[in-house]
């Protein structure tokens, strides 16, 4: 049995073609699967970069690697900050402690105003839990997006054993009626989490 193509061996165009084929087979909404805002949050690429890459007739503008790193650090920080609802000063203090630098220097790094050195960049990747390490900040945009689209392909490939199916199996549900709608794996996961919460709340009430 052959291994699935690796993002290192498959071009972005190839990956997009396979994704489009899988989306059509599963009768999913392409705009929902290739959600530009979501892809931006997960890759620290700007929405403009992603839109350019998803439109194969266009290419994102060439960038200087230092500008690329500073921009991605800032984008990652802003995305995580908005999602957590925490204060910027709190995060700056934690980053300062993790990197053994002053809070002001940490703030300058997180705002993309200063260029992190290699140890600081490595520490930032660890602080934010970035599994790709420093490559998350340094790799060219097509490679970063290609890597994330491969992850989407893997999620779509497992649709037959997706989050809702696993939820139904755990709780002995025989049928899930979605009125003909096909949900992306991420929407399935969100729905499964919500249903788990509702069931947990009901169990607490019963007690």
Foldseek 3Di string as FASTA:
>chain_A
DDDPDDLVRDFLVRLLVVVVVLCVVLVHDPCVLPVLVVLCQLQLDDSVQSVQVNPVVGHDDDDDQQLQLLSSLQSNLVSVCVVVVDDPLVVLVVLCVQLVHDSVVSVCSNNSNDGDDQVSQQSSCVVSVPPVGSCSRRPDPRSSSSNVSVVQVVQSVCVVCALQVVLCVVVVNDDDCPPPDRDRSVVSNVVSVVVVVVVVVVVVVVD
